[in-house]
C-alpha cells in the first residue's frame, strides 16, 4: 500500500487556523455565559414574583377566630 499524500499547511495557514479556533472558542464561551446570565435573571425574577404573590395571598387570608366553632365536616351522600 502506498501512503496517502497529506496537505502540508504553511505557517500562515496554521496561524489562521489557530486564530479561527480561538474565535470559535470565545464565541462558544460567550454564548454559554449569556445563557447562564439569562437563566439566573429569570430565576431571580420568578423568585421575587412568587414572594410577592405569597405575600398578597397571605394578606387576603381571613384569620380564623379561635372562639368560633369549627366548620362541620361535609356529609357523604348515601349510596343507592
C-alpha atoms as a PDB file:
ATOM      1  CA  UNK A   1       0.000   0.000   0.000  1.00  0.00           C
ATOM      2  CA  UNK A   2       1.112   3.476  -0.675  1.00  0.00           C
ATOM      3  CA  UNK A   3       0.939   6.239   1.836  1.00  0.00           C
ATOM      4  CA  UNK A   4      -1.694   8.884   1.181  1.00  0.00           C
ATOM      5  CA  UNK A   5      -0.479  12.352   0.325  1.00  0.00           C
ATOM      6  CA  UNK A   6      -1.407  14.807   3.052  1.00  0.00           C
ATOM      7  CA  UNK A   7      -1.610  18.534   2.530  1.00  0.00           C
ATOM      8  CA  UNK A   8       1.182  20.359   4.291  1.00  0.00           C
ATOM      9  CA  UNK A   9      -0.072  23.634   5.714  1.00  0.00           C
ATOM     10  CA  UNK A  10       2.067  26.708   5.630  1.00  0.00           C
ATOM     11  CA  UNK A  11       2.871  28.633   8.793  1.00  0.00           C
ATOM     12  CA  UNK A  12       0.352  31.307   7.789  1.00  0.00           C
ATOM     13  CA  UNK A  13      -2.387  28.711   7.351  1.00  0.00           C
ATOM     14  CA  UNK A  14      -1.612  27.128  10.715  1.00  0.00           C
ATOM     15  CA  UNK A  15      -1.718  30.556  12.375  1.00  0.00           C
ATOM     16  CA  UNK A  16      -5.021  31.367  10.643  1.00  0.00           C
ATOM     17  CA  UNK A  17      -6.473  28.038  11.831  1.00  0.00           C
ATOM     18  CA  UNK A  18      -5.413  28.750  15.426  1.00  0.00           C
ATOM     19  CA  UNK A  19      -6.977  32.221  15.318  1.00  0.00           C
ATOM     20  CA  UNK A  20     -10.187  30.790  13.893  1.00  0.00           C
ATOM     21  CA  UNK A  21     -10.293  28.118  16.601  1.00  0.00           C
ATOM     22  CA  UNK A  22      -9.756  30.731  19.318  1.00  0.00           C
ATOM     23  CA  UNK A  23     -12.539  32.887  17.846  1.00  0.00           C
ATOM     24  CA  UNK A  24     -14.925  29.916  17.799  1.00  0.00           C
ATOM     25  CA  UNK A  25     -13.993  29.005  21.388  1.00  0.00           C
ATOM     26  CA  UNK A  26     -14.561  32.576  22.586  1.00  0.00           C
ATOM     27  CA  UNK A  27     -17.901  32.664  20.790  1.00  0.00           C
ATOM     28  CA  UNK A  28     -18.995  29.448  22.491  1.00  0.00           C
ATOM     29  CA  UNK A  29     -17.872  30.655  25.911  1.00  0.00           C
ATOM     30  CA  UNK A  30     -19.696  33.949  25.348  1.00  0.00           C
ATOM     31  CA  UNK A  31     -22.880  32.099  24.391  1.00  0.00           C
ATOM     32  CA  UNK A  32     -22.653  29.874  27.470  1.00  0.00           C
ATOM     33  CA  UNK A  33     -22.167  32.916  29.715  1.00  0.00           C
ATOM     34  CA  UNK A  34     -25.143  34.642  28.068  1.00  0.00           C
ATOM     35  CA  UNK A  35     -27.407  31.624  28.630  1.00  0.00           C
ATOM     36  CA  UNK A  36     -26.246  31.386  32.256  1.00  0.00           C
ATOM     37  CA  UNK A  37     -26.936  35.071  32.922  1.00  0.00           C
ATOM     38  CA  UNK A  38     -30.397  34.886  31.342  1.00  0.00           C
ATOM     39  CA  UNK A  39     -31.216  31.776  33.383  1.00  0.00           C
ATOM     40  CA  UNK A  40     -30.107  33.313  36.683  1.00  0.00           C
ATOM     41  CA  UNK A  41     -32.009  36.521  35.904  1.00  0.00           C
ATOM     42  CA  UNK A  42     -35.200  34.584  35.169  1.00  0.00           C
ATOM     43  CA  UNK A  43     -34.818  32.543  38.353  1.00  0.00           C
ATOM     44  CA  UNK A  44     -34.421  35.701  40.431  1.00  0.00           C
ATOM     45  CA  UNK A  45     -37.410  37.343  38.754  1.00  0.00           C
ATOM     46  CA  UNK A  46     -39.578  34.252  39.335  1.00  0.00           C
ATOM     47  CA  UNK A  47     -38.466  34.051  42.964  1.00  0.00           C
ATOM     48  CA  UNK A  48     -39.388  37.689  43.544  1.00  0.00           C
ATOM     49  CA  UNK A  49     -42.746  37.241  41.798  1.00  0.00           C
ATOM     50  CA  UNK A  50     -43.510  34.182  43.915  1.00  0.00           C
ATOM     51  CA  UNK A  51     -42.658  36.010  47.142  1.00  0.00           C
ATOM     52  CA  UNK A  52     -44.915  38.889  46.111  1.00  0.00           C
ATOM     53  CA  UNK A  53     -47.754  36.502  45.231  1.00  0.00           C
ATOM     54  CA  UNK A  54     -47.395  34.641  48.525  1.00  0.00           C
ATOM     55  CA  UNK A  55     -47.367  37.923  50.453  1.00  0.00           C
ATOM     56  CA  UNK A  56     -50.504  39.074  48.630  1.00  0.00           C
ATOM     57  CA  UNK A  57     -52.216  35.746  49.292  1.00  0.00           C
ATOM     58  CA  UNK A  58     -51.251  35.816  52.969  1.00  0.00           C
ATOM     59  CA  UNK A  59     -52.642  39.339  53.303  1.00  0.00           C
ATOM     60  CA  UNK A  60     -56.015  38.291  51.906  1.00  0.00           C
ATOM     61  CA  UNK A  61     -56.443  35.224  54.108  1.00  0.00           C
ATOM     62  CA  UNK A  62     -59.030  35.597  56.809  1.00  0.00           C
ATOM     63  CA  UNK A  63     -57.725  34.817  60.218  1.00  0.00           C
ATOM     64  CA  UNK A  64     -59.798  32.137  61.925  1.00  0.00           C
ATOM     65  CA  UNK A  65     -61.274  33.244  65.209  1.00  0.00           C
ATOM     66  CA  UNK A  66     -60.455  30.586  67.788  1.00  0.00           C
ATOM     67  CA  UNK A  67     -63.673  31.439  69.666  1.00  0.00           C
ATOM     68  CA  UNK A  68     -65.825  30.306  66.724  1.00  0.00           C
ATOM     69  CA  UNK A  69     -66.798  26.648  66.383  1.00  0.00           C
ATOM     70  CA  UNK A  70     -65.073  24.580  63.747  1.00  0.00           C
ATOM     71  CA  UNK A  71     -66.964  24.192  60.476  1.00  0.00           C
ATOM     72  CA  UNK A  72     -68.945  20.997  60.133  1.00  0.00           C
ATOM     73  CA  UNK A  73     -67.471  18.249  58.035  1.00  0.00           C
ATOM     74  CA  UNK A  74     -69.314  17.543  54.784  1.00  0.00           C
ATOM     75  CA  UNK A  75     -71.627  14.548  54.947  1.00  0.00           C
ATOM     76  CA  UNK A  76     -71.248  11.922  52.252  1.00  0.00           C
ATOM     77  CA  UNK A  77     -74.377  11.045  50.284  1.00  0.00           C
ATOM     78  CA  UNK A  78     -75.629   7.504  50.889  1.00  0.00           C
ATOM     79  CA  UNK A  79     -75.047   5.080  48.023  1.00  0.00           C
ATOM     80  CA  UNK A  80     -78.203   3.887  46.248  1.00  0.00           C
END
